[in-house]
Amino acid sequence: MPIKKSSEKDVRRTARRRVRNVAVITRLRSAVKKVREAKTADEAAVLYKDAVSLIDKAATRKYIHANMAARNKARLAIVVQKLKKAA
């Protein structure tokens, strides 16, 4: 347990941030998973658009690194393209 008052406040602040960080990353991972599990090309395209939006927001707000965002978007685009070719 922290002794100083500022340290106590820092523990509370860190806990709040952690809850928010986990929520953002969880939404992001769920969106990516939905794109990968999509059955049709049309469904994947719609889900891809939502996922890219979440990825960009997370990168802008520094929840994830910009390079990680670019990598995720590129990989998802490949998944969507494969579904379009298969259809």
PDB file of N, CA and C in Angstrom:
ATOM      1  N   MET A   1       0.842  -1.185   0.000  1.00  0.00           N
ATOM      2  CA  MET A   1       0.000   0.000   0.000  1.00  0.00           C
ATOM      3  C   MET A   1       0.883   1.242   0.000  1.00  0.00           C
ATOM      4  N   PRO A   2       0.468   2.254  -0.757  1.00  0.00           N
ATOM      5  CA  PRO A   2       1.252   3.484  -0.793  1.00  0.00           C
ATOM      6  C   PRO A   2       1.147   4.252   0.532  1.00  0.00           C
ATOM      7  N   ILE A   3       2.186   4.961   0.820  1.00  0.00           N
ATOM      8  CA  ILE A   3       2.229   5.734   2.054  1.00  0.00           C
ATOM      9  C   ILE A   3       1.867   7.190   1.788  1.00  0.00           C
ATOM     10  N   LYS A   4       2.431   7.741   0.722  1.00  0.00           N
ATOM     11  CA  LYS A   4       2.191   9.157   0.407  1.00  0.00           C
ATOM     12  C   LYS A   4       0.820   9.353  -0.221  1.00  0.00           C
ATOM     13  N   LYS A   5       0.272  10.544   0.017  1.00  0.00           N
ATOM     14  CA  LYS A   5      -1.051  10.866  -0.512  1.00  0.00           C
ATOM     15  C   LYS A   5      -1.043  10.873  -2.044  1.00  0.00           C
ATOM     16  N   SER A   6       0.023  11.399  -2.622  1.00  0.00           N
ATOM     17  CA  SER A   6       0.105  11.462  -4.082  1.00  0.00           C
ATOM     18  C   SER A   6       0.176  10.053  -4.679  1.00  0.00           C
ATOM     19  N   SER A   7       0.817   9.140  -3.957  1.00  0.00           N
ATOM     20  CA  SER A   7       0.893   7.766  -4.434  1.00  0.00           C
ATOM     21  C   SER A   7      -0.464   7.080  -4.380  1.00  0.00           C
ATOM     22  N   GLU A   8      -1.242   7.377  -3.349  1.00  0.00           N
ATOM     23  CA  GLU A   8      -2.595   6.831  -3.254  1.00  0.00           C
ATOM     24  C   GLU A   8      -3.438   7.303  -4.428  1.00  0.00           C
ATOM     25  N   LYS A   9      -3.305   8.580  -4.736  1.00  0.00           N
ATOM     26  CA  LYS A   9      -4.051   9.153  -5.857  1.00  0.00           C
ATOM     27  C   LYS A   9      -3.602   8.499  -7.172  1.00  0.00           C
ATOM     28  N   ASP A  10      -2.293   8.257  -7.277  1.00  0.00           N
ATOM     29  CA  ASP A  10      -1.763   7.645  -8.483  1.00  0.00           C
ATOM     30  C   ASP A  10      -2.300   6.228  -8.669  1.00  0.00           C
ATOM     31  N   VAL A  11      -2.471   5.500  -7.587  1.00  0.00           N
ATOM     32  CA  VAL A  11      -3.036   4.144  -7.662  1.00  0.00           C
ATOM     33  C   VAL A  11      -4.459   4.203  -8.194  1.00  0.00           C
ATOM     34  N   ARG A  12      -5.240   5.162  -7.703  1.00  0.00           N
ATOM     35  CA  ARG A  12      -6.623   5.305  -8.176  1.00  0.00           C
ATOM     36  C   ARG A  12      -6.645   5.687  -9.658  1.00  0.00           C
ATOM     37  N   ARG A  13      -5.785   6.605 -10.024  1.00  0.00           N
ATOM     38  CA  ARG A  13      -5.728   7.077 -11.408  1.00  0.00           C
ATOM     39  C   ARG A  13      -5.325   5.932 -12.342  1.00  0.00           C
ATOM     40  N   THR A  14      -4.361   5.151 -11.926  1.00  0.00           N
ATOM     41  CA  THR A  14      -3.902   4.024 -12.730  1.00  0.00           C
ATOM     42  C   THR A  14      -5.002   2.990 -12.912  1.00  0.00           C
ATOM     43  N   ALA A  15      -5.763   2.753 -11.857  1.00  0.00           N
ATOM     44  CA  ALA A  15      -6.868   1.785 -11.947  1.00  0.00           C
ATOM     45  C   ALA A  15      -7.916   2.246 -12.952  1.00  0.00           C
ATOM     46  N   ARG A  16      -8.242   3.538 -12.915  1.00  0.00           N
ATOM     47  CA  ARG A  16      -9.222   4.072 -13.878  1.00  0.00           C
ATOM     48  C   ARG A  16      -8.705   3.937 -15.306  1.00  0.00           C
ATOM     49  N   ARG A  17      -7.440   4.259 -15.509  1.00  0.00           N
ATOM     50  CA  ARG A  17      -6.851   4.176 -16.846  1.00  0.00           C
ATOM     51  C   ARG A  17      -6.844   2.738 -17.349  1.00  0.00           C
ATOM     52  N   ARG A  18      -6.527   1.821 -16.442  1.00  0.00           N
ATOM     53  CA  ARG A  18      -6.464   0.413 -16.833  1.00  0.00           C
ATOM     54  C   ARG A  18      -7.818  -0.088 -17.313  1.00  0.00           C
ATOM     55  N   VAL A  19      -8.866   0.291 -16.622  1.00  0.00           N
ATOM     56  CA  VAL A  19     -10.222  -0.113 -17.027  1.00  0.00           C
ATOM     57  C   VAL A  19     -10.524   0.403 -18.427  1.00  0.00           C
ATOM     58  N   ARG A  20     -10.193   1.655 -18.672  1.00  0.00           N
ATOM     59  CA  ARG A  20     -10.445   2.246 -19.981  1.00  0.00           C
ATOM     60  C   ARG A  20      -9.594   1.580 -21.059  1.00  0.00           C
ATOM     61  N   ASN A  21      -8.315   1.361 -20.767  1.00  0.00           N
ATOM     62  CA  ASN A  21      -7.415   0.729 -21.736  1.00  0.00           C
ATOM     63  C   ASN A  21      -7.886  -0.670 -22.107  1.00  0.00           C
ATOM     64  N   VAL A  22      -8.267  -1.450 -21.102  1.00  0.00           N
ATOM     65  CA  VAL A  22      -8.735  -2.816 -21.356  1.00  0.00           C
ATOM     66  C   VAL A  22      -9.999  -2.793 -22.203  1.00  0.00           C
ATOM     67  N   ALA A  23     -10.900  -1.848 -21.931  1.00  0.00           N
ATOM     68  CA  ALA A  23     -12.151  -1.760 -22.690  1.00  0.00           C
ATOM     69  C   ALA A  23     -11.873  -1.451 -24.165  1.00  0.00           C
ATOM     70  N   VAL A  24     -10.983  -0.513 -24.420  1.00  0.00           N
ATOM     71  CA  VAL A  24     -10.675  -0.133 -25.794  1.00  0.00           C
ATOM     72  C   VAL A  24     -10.032  -1.298 -26.545  1.00  0.00           C
ATOM     73  N   ILE A  25      -9.049  -1.928 -25.931  1.00  0.00           N
ATOM     74  CA  ILE A  25      -8.344  -3.028 -26.584  1.00  0.00           C
ATOM     75  C   ILE A  25      -9.276  -4.223 -26.806  1.00  0.00           C
ATOM     76  N   THR A  26     -10.181  -4.480 -25.860  1.00  0.00           N
ATOM     77  CA  THR A  26     -11.125  -5.585 -26.008  1.00  0.00           C
ATOM     78  C   THR A  26     -12.062  -5.346 -27.184  1.00  0.00           C
ATOM     79  N   ARG A  27     -12.585  -4.116 -27.292  1.00  0.00           N
ATOM     80  CA  ARG A  27     -13.458  -3.788 -28.434  1.00  0.00           C
ATOM     81  C   ARG A  27     -12.715  -3.961 -29.752  1.00  0.00           C
ATOM     82  N   LEU A  28     -11.459  -3.535 -29.755  1.00  0.00           N
ATOM     83  CA  LEU A  28     -10.639  -3.623 -30.950  1.00  0.00           C
ATOM     84  C   LEU A  28     -10.426  -5.074 -31.363  1.00  0.00           C
ATOM     85  N   ARG A  29     -10.048  -5.914 -30.423  1.00  0.00           N
ATOM     86  CA  ARG A  29      -9.803  -7.327 -30.724  1.00  0.00           C
ATOM     87  C   ARG A  29     -11.083  -8.033 -31.172  1.00  0.00           C
ATOM     88  N   SER A  30     -12.202  -7.681 -30.557  1.00  0.00           N
ATOM     89  CA  SER A  30     -13.476  -8.294 -30.941  1.00  0.00           C
ATOM     90  C   SER A  30     -13.837  -7.922 -32.373  1.00  0.00           C
ATOM     91  N   ALA A  31     -13.607  -6.662 -32.735  1.00  0.00           N
ATOM     92  CA  ALA A  31     -13.922  -6.214 -34.089  1.00  0.00           C
ATOM     93  C   ALA A  31     -13.060  -6.942 -35.115  1.00  0.00           C
ATOM     94  N   VAL A  32     -11.778  -7.106 -34.803  1.00  0.00           N
ATOM     95  CA  VAL A  32     -10.870  -7.808 -35.714  1.00  0.00           C
ATOM     96  C   VAL A  32     -11.304  -9.265 -35.859  1.00  0.00           C
ATOM     97  N   LYS A  33     -11.681  -9.882 -34.749  1.00  0.00           N
ATOM     98  CA  LYS A  33     -12.105 -11.278 -34.767  1.00  0.00           C
ATOM     99  C   LYS A  33     -13.356 -11.459 -35.630  1.00  0.00           C
ATOM    100  N   LYS A  34     -14.284 -10.497 -35.537  1.00  0.00           N
ATOM    101  CA  LYS A  34     -15.520 -10.584 -36.326  1.00  0.00           C
ATOM    102  C   LYS A  34     -15.219 -10.544 -37.817  1.00  0.00           C
ATOM    103  N   VAL A  35     -14.267  -9.704 -38.213  1.00  0.00           N
ATOM    104  CA  VAL A  35     -13.906  -9.632 -39.634  1.00  0.00           C
ATOM    105  C   VAL A  35     -13.341 -10.969 -40.089  1.00  0.00           C
ATOM    106  N   ARG A  36     -12.470 -11.548 -39.283  1.00  0.00           N
ATOM    107  CA  ARG A  36     -11.843 -12.822 -39.648  1.00  0.00           C
ATOM    108  C   ARG A  36     -12.857 -13.960 -39.713  1.00  0.00           C
ATOM    109  N   GLU A  37     -13.926 -13.882 -38.913  1.00  0.00           N
ATOM    110  CA  GLU A  37     -14.929 -14.943 -38.869  1.00  0.00           C
ATOM    111  C   GLU A  37     -16.084 -14.721 -39.843  1.00  0.00           C
ATOM    112  N   ALA A  38     -16.053 -13.630 -40.597  1.00  0.00           N
ATOM    113  CA  ALA A  38     -17.138 -13.317 -41.529  1.00  0.00           C
ATOM    114  C   ALA A  38     -17.238 -14.407 -42.602  1.00  0.00           C
ATOM    115  N   LYS A  39     -18.476 -14.720 -42.964  1.00  0.00           N
ATOM    116  CA  LYS A  39     -18.725 -15.787 -43.934  1.00  0.00           C
ATOM    117  C   LYS A  39     -18.776 -15.264 -45.372  1.00  0.00           C
ATOM    118  N   THR A  40     -19.369 -14.080 -45.559  1.00  0.00           N
ATOM    119  CA  THR A  40     -19.524 -13.542 -46.906  1.00  0.00           C
ATOM    120  C   THR A  40     -18.636 -12.316 -47.097  1.00  0.00           C
ATOM    121  N   ALA A  41     -18.386 -11.984 -48.347  1.00  0.00           N
ATOM    122  CA  ALA A  41     -17.544 -10.840 -48.675  1.00  0.00           C
ATOM    123  C   ALA A  41     -18.216  -9.528 -48.275  1.00  0.00           C
ATOM    124  N   ASP A  42     -19.536  -9.453 -48.465  1.00  0.00           N
ATOM    125  CA  ASP A  42     -20.250  -8.225 -48.113  1.00  0.00           C
ATOM    126  C   ASP A  42     -20.220  -7.986 -46.611  1.00  0.00           C
ATOM    127  N   GLU A  43     -20.447  -9.046 -45.866  1.00  0.00           N
ATOM    128  CA  GLU A  43     -20.415  -8.937 -44.406  1.00  0.00           C
ATOM    129  C   GLU A  43     -19.016  -8.524 -43.939  1.00  0.00           C
ATOM    130  N   ALA A  44     -18.000  -9.118 -44.534  1.00  0.00           N
ATOM    131  CA  ALA A  44     -16.620  -8.813 -44.163  1.00  0.00           C
ATOM    132  C   ALA A  44     -16.278  -7.363 -44.482  1.00  0.00           C
ATOM    133  N   ALA A  45     -16.785  -6.855 -45.598  1.00  0.00           N
ATOM    134  CA  ALA A  45     -16.490  -5.480 -45.989  1.00  0.00           C
ATOM    135  C   ALA A  45     -17.066  -4.483 -44.983  1.00  0.00           C
ATOM    136  N   VAL A  46     -18.284  -4.734 -44.542  1.00  0.00           N
ATOM    137  CA  VAL A  46     -18.925  -3.856 -43.558  1.00  0.00           C
ATOM    138  C   VAL A  46     -18.186  -3.916 -42.224  1.00  0.00           C
ATOM    139  N   LEU A  47     -17.874  -5.131 -41.785  1.00  0.00           N
ATOM    140  CA  LEU A  47     -17.162  -5.303 -40.521  1.00  0.00           C
ATOM    141  C   LEU A  47     -15.752  -4.731 -40.600  1.00  0.00           C
ATOM    142  N   TYR A  48     -15.129  -4.830 -41.774  1.00  0.00           N
ATOM    143  CA  TYR A  48     -13.789  -4.288 -41.978  1.00  0.00           C
ATOM    144  C   TYR A  48     -13.791  -2.772 -41.784  1.00  0.00           C
ATOM    145  N   LYS A  49     -14.809  -2.126 -42.321  1.00  0.00           N
ATOM    146  CA  LYS A  49     -14.903  -0.671 -42.194  1.00  0.00           C
ATOM    147  C   LYS A  49     -14.999  -0.262 -40.718  1.00  0.00           C
ATOM    148  N   ASP A  50     -15.806  -0.974 -39.944  1.00  0.00           N
ATOM    149  CA  ASP A  50     -15.930  -0.683 -38.515  1.00  0.00           C
ATOM    150  C   ASP A  50     -14.618  -0.952 -37.778  1.00  0.00           C
ATOM    151  N   ALA A  51     -13.976  -2.049 -38.121  1.00  0.00           N
ATOM    152  CA  ALA A  51     -12.728  -2.415 -37.455  1.00  0.00           C
ATOM    153  C   ALA A  51     -11.633  -1.394 -37.744  1.00  0.00           C
ATOM    154  N   VAL A  52     -11.546  -0.938 -38.980  1.00  0.00           N
ATOM    155  CA  VAL A  52     -10.529   0.050 -39.346  1.00  0.00           C
ATOM    156  C   VAL A  52     -10.757   1.350 -38.575  1.00  0.00           C
ATOM    157  N   SER A  53     -12.009   1.711 -38.416  1.00  0.00           N
ATOM    158  CA  SER A  53     -12.333   2.914 -37.648  1.00  0.00           C
ATOM    159  C   SER A  53     -11.833   2.788 -36.213  1.00  0.00           C
ATOM    160  N   LEU A  54     -12.100   1.655 -35.582  1.00  0.00           N
ATOM    161  CA  LEU A  54     -11.643   1.428 -34.211  1.00  0.00           C
ATOM    162  C   LEU A  54     -10.119   1.384 -34.128  1.00  0.00           C
ATOM    163  N   ILE A  55      -9.492   0.756 -35.104  1.00  0.00           N
ATOM    164  CA  ILE A  55      -8.029   0.667 -35.118  1.00  0.00           C
ATOM    165  C   ILE A  55      -7.417   2.059 -35.233  1.00  0.00           C
ATOM    166  N   ASP A  56      -7.954   2.874 -36.132  1.00  0.00           N
ATOM    167  CA  ASP A  56      -7.424   4.230 -36.312  1.00  0.00           C
ATOM    168  C   ASP A  56      -7.598   5.077 -35.059  1.00  0.00           C
ATOM    169  N   LYS A  57      -8.756   4.970 -34.425  1.00  0.00           N
ATOM    170  CA  LYS A  57      -8.985   5.726 -33.192  1.00  0.00           C
ATOM    171  C   LYS A  57      -8.015   5.296 -32.098  1.00  0.00           C
ATOM    172  N   ALA A  58      -7.813   3.990 -31.980  1.00  0.00           N
ATOM    173  CA  ALA A  58      -6.910   3.476 -30.951  1.00  0.00           C
ATOM    174  C   ALA A  58      -5.474   3.949 -31.204  1.00  0.00           C
ATOM    175  N   ALA A  59      -5.073   3.985 -32.454  1.00  0.00           N
ATOM    176  CA  ALA A  59      -3.717   4.436 -32.786  1.00  0.00           C
ATOM    177  C   ALA A  59      -3.567   5.938 -32.547  1.00  0.00           C
ATOM    178  N   THR A  60      -4.592   6.688 -32.902  1.00  0.00           N
ATOM    179  CA  THR A  60      -4.542   8.142 -32.709  1.00  0.00           C
ATOM    180  C   THR A  60      -4.436   8.486 -31.235  1.00  0.00           C
ATOM    181  N   ARG A  61      -5.135   7.728 -30.415  1.00  0.00           N
ATOM    182  CA  ARG A  61      -5.147   7.999 -28.972  1.00  0.00           C
ATOM    183  C   ARG A  61      -4.073   7.231 -28.218  1.00  0.00           C
ATOM    184  N   LYS A  62      -3.150   6.618 -28.983  1.00  0.00           N
ATOM    185  CA  LYS A  62      -1.977   5.928 -28.420  1.00  0.00           C
ATOM    186  C   LYS A  62      -2.304   4.692 -27.596  1.00  0.00           C
ATOM    187  N   TYR A  63      -3.436   4.057 -27.839  1.00  0.00           N
ATOM    188  CA  TYR A  63      -3.726   2.793 -27.177  1.00  0.00           C
ATOM    189  C   TYR A  63      -2.888   1.682 -27.810  1.00  0.00           C
ATOM    190  N   ILE A  64      -2.649   1.810 -29.117  1.00  0.00           N
ATOM    191  CA  ILE A  64      -1.760   0.890 -29.819  1.00  0.00           C
ATOM    192  C   ILE A  64      -0.788   1.716 -30.650  1.00  0.00           C
ATOM    193  N   HIS A  65       0.313   1.108 -31.037  1.00  0.00           N
ATOM    194  CA  HIS A  65       1.320   1.800 -31.842  1.00  0.00           C
ATOM    195  C   HIS A  65       0.816   1.963 -33.273  1.00  0.00           C
ATOM    196  N   ALA A  66       1.259   3.004 -33.931  1.00  0.00           N
ATOM    197  CA  ALA A  66       0.819   3.286 -35.300  1.00  0.00           C
ATOM    198  C   ALA A  66       1.188   2.156 -36.255  1.00  0.00           C
ATOM    199  N   ASN A  67       2.360   1.574 -36.067  1.00  0.00           N
ATOM    200  CA  ASN A  67       2.767   0.470 -36.946  1.00  0.00           C
ATOM    201  C   ASN A  67       1.895  -0.763 -36.731  1.00  0.00           C
ATOM    202  N   MET A  68       1.489  -0.992 -35.502  1.00  0.00           N
ATOM    203  CA  MET A  68       0.601  -2.118 -35.212  1.00  0.00           C
ATOM    204  C   MET A  68      -0.748  -1.900 -35.889  1.00  0.00           C
ATOM    205  N   ALA A  69      -1.218  -0.663 -35.873  1.00  0.00           N
ATOM    206  CA  ALA A  69      -2.481  -0.339 -36.533  1.00  0.00           C
ATOM    207  C   ALA A  69      -2.383  -0.611 -38.029  1.00  0.00           C
ATOM    208  N   ALA A  70      -1.299  -0.165 -38.640  1.00  0.00           N
ATOM    209  CA  ALA A  70      -1.114  -0.364 -40.076  1.00  0.00           C
ATOM    210  C   ALA A  70      -1.041  -1.847 -40.410  1.00  0.00           C
ATOM    211  N   ARG A  71      -0.331  -2.603 -39.593  1.00  0.00           N
ATOM    212  CA  ARG A  71      -0.189  -4.040 -39.817  1.00  0.00           C
ATOM    213  C   ARG A  71      -1.539  -4.749 -39.718  1.00  0.00           C
ATOM    214  N   ASN A  72      -2.325  -4.398 -38.690  1.00  0.00           N
ATOM    215  CA  ASN A  72      -3.648  -5.017 -38.523  1.00  0.00           C
ATOM    216  C   ASN A  72      -4.564  -4.697 -39.693  1.00  0.00           C
ATOM    217  N   LYS A  73      -4.554  -3.447 -40.131  1.00  0.00           N
ATOM    218  CA  LYS A  73      -5.415  -3.053 -41.249  1.00  0.00           C
ATOM    219  C   LYS A  73      -5.012  -3.787 -42.529  1.00  0.00           C
ATOM    220  N   ALA A  74      -3.710  -3.930 -42.758  1.00  0.00           N
ATOM    221  CA  ALA A  74      -3.238  -4.615 -43.962  1.00  0.00           C
ATOM    222  C   ALA A  74      -3.646  -6.081 -43.941  1.00  0.00           C
ATOM    223  N   ARG A  75      -3.487  -6.714 -42.799  1.00  0.00           N
ATOM    224  CA  ARG A  75      -3.839  -8.133 -42.703  1.00  0.00           C
ATOM    225  C   ARG A  75      -5.335  -8.360 -42.861  1.00  0.00           C
ATOM    226  N   LEU A  76      -6.123  -7.454 -42.298  1.00  0.00           N
ATOM    227  CA  LEU A  76      -7.582  -7.584 -42.450  1.00  0.00           C
ATOM    228  C   LEU A  76      -7.995  -7.353 -43.905  1.00  0.00           C
ATOM    229  N   ALA A  77      -7.325  -6.421 -44.565  1.00  0.00           N
ATOM    230  CA  ALA A  77      -7.641  -6.155 -45.970  1.00  0.00           C
ATOM    231  C   ALA A  77      -7.392  -7.400 -46.820  1.00  0.00           C
ATOM    232  N   ILE A  78      -6.332  -8.129 -46.491  1.00  0.00           N
ATOM    233  CA  ILE A  78      -6.036  -9.370 -47.214  1.00  0.00           C
ATOM    234  C   ILE A  78      -7.143 -10.389 -47.001  1.00  0.00           C
ATOM    235  N   VAL A  79      -7.653 -10.487 -45.773  1.00  0.00           N
ATOM    236  CA  VAL A  79      -8.743 -11.421 -45.469  1.00  0.00           C
ATOM    237  C   VAL A  79      -9.983 -11.073 -46.285  1.00  0.00           C
ATOM    238  N   VAL A  80     -10.309  -9.782 -46.339  1.00  0.00           N
ATOM    239  CA  VAL A  80     -11.498  -9.334 -47.075  1.00  0.00           C
ATOM    240  C   VAL A  80     -11.312  -9.602 -48.573  1.00  0.00           C
ATOM    241  N   GLN A  81     -10.117  -9.344 -49.094  1.00  0.00           N
ATOM    242  CA  GLN A  81      -9.861  -9.581 -50.525  1.00  0.00           C
ATOM    243  C   GLN A  81      -9.998 -11.065 -50.887  1.00  0.00           C
ATOM    244  N   LYS A  82      -9.525 -11.938 -50.007  1.00  0.00           N
ATOM    245  CA  LYS A  82      -9.632 -13.379 -50.267  1.00  0.00           C
ATOM    246  C   LYS A  82     -11.098 -13.806 -50.313  1.00  0.00           C
ATOM    247  N   LEU A  83     -11.917 -13.227 -49.429  1.00  0.00           N
ATOM    248  CA  LEU A  83     -13.348 -13.557 -49.445  1.00  0.00           C
ATOM    249  C   LEU A  83     -14.002 -13.069 -50.730  1.00  0.00           C
ATOM    250  N   LYS A  84     -13.585 -11.889 -51.199  1.00  0.00           N
ATOM    251  CA  LYS A  84     -14.159 -11.353 -52.445  1.00  0.00           C
ATOM    252  C   LYS A  84     -13.784 -12.227 -53.641  1.00  0.00           C
ATOM    253  N   LYS A  85     -12.549 -12.707 -53.660  1.00  0.00           N
ATOM    254  CA  LYS A  85     -12.112 -13.568 -54.773  1.00  0.00           C
ATOM    255  C   LYS A  85     -12.816 -14.922 -54.743  1.00  0.00           C
ATOM    256  N   ALA A  86     -13.064 -15.422 -53.531  1.00  0.00           N
ATOM    257  CA  ALA A  86     -13.714 -16.719 -53.388  1.00  0.00           C
ATOM    258  C   ALA A  86     -15.180 -16.670 -53.806  1.00  0.00           C
ATOM    259  N   ALA A  87     -15.794 -15.484 -53.687  1.00  0.00           N
ATOM    260  CA  ALA A  87     -17.221 -15.359 -53.987  1.00  0.00           C
ATOM    261  C   ALA A  87     -17.499 -15.272 -55.463  1.00  0.00           C
TER     262      ALA A  87
END
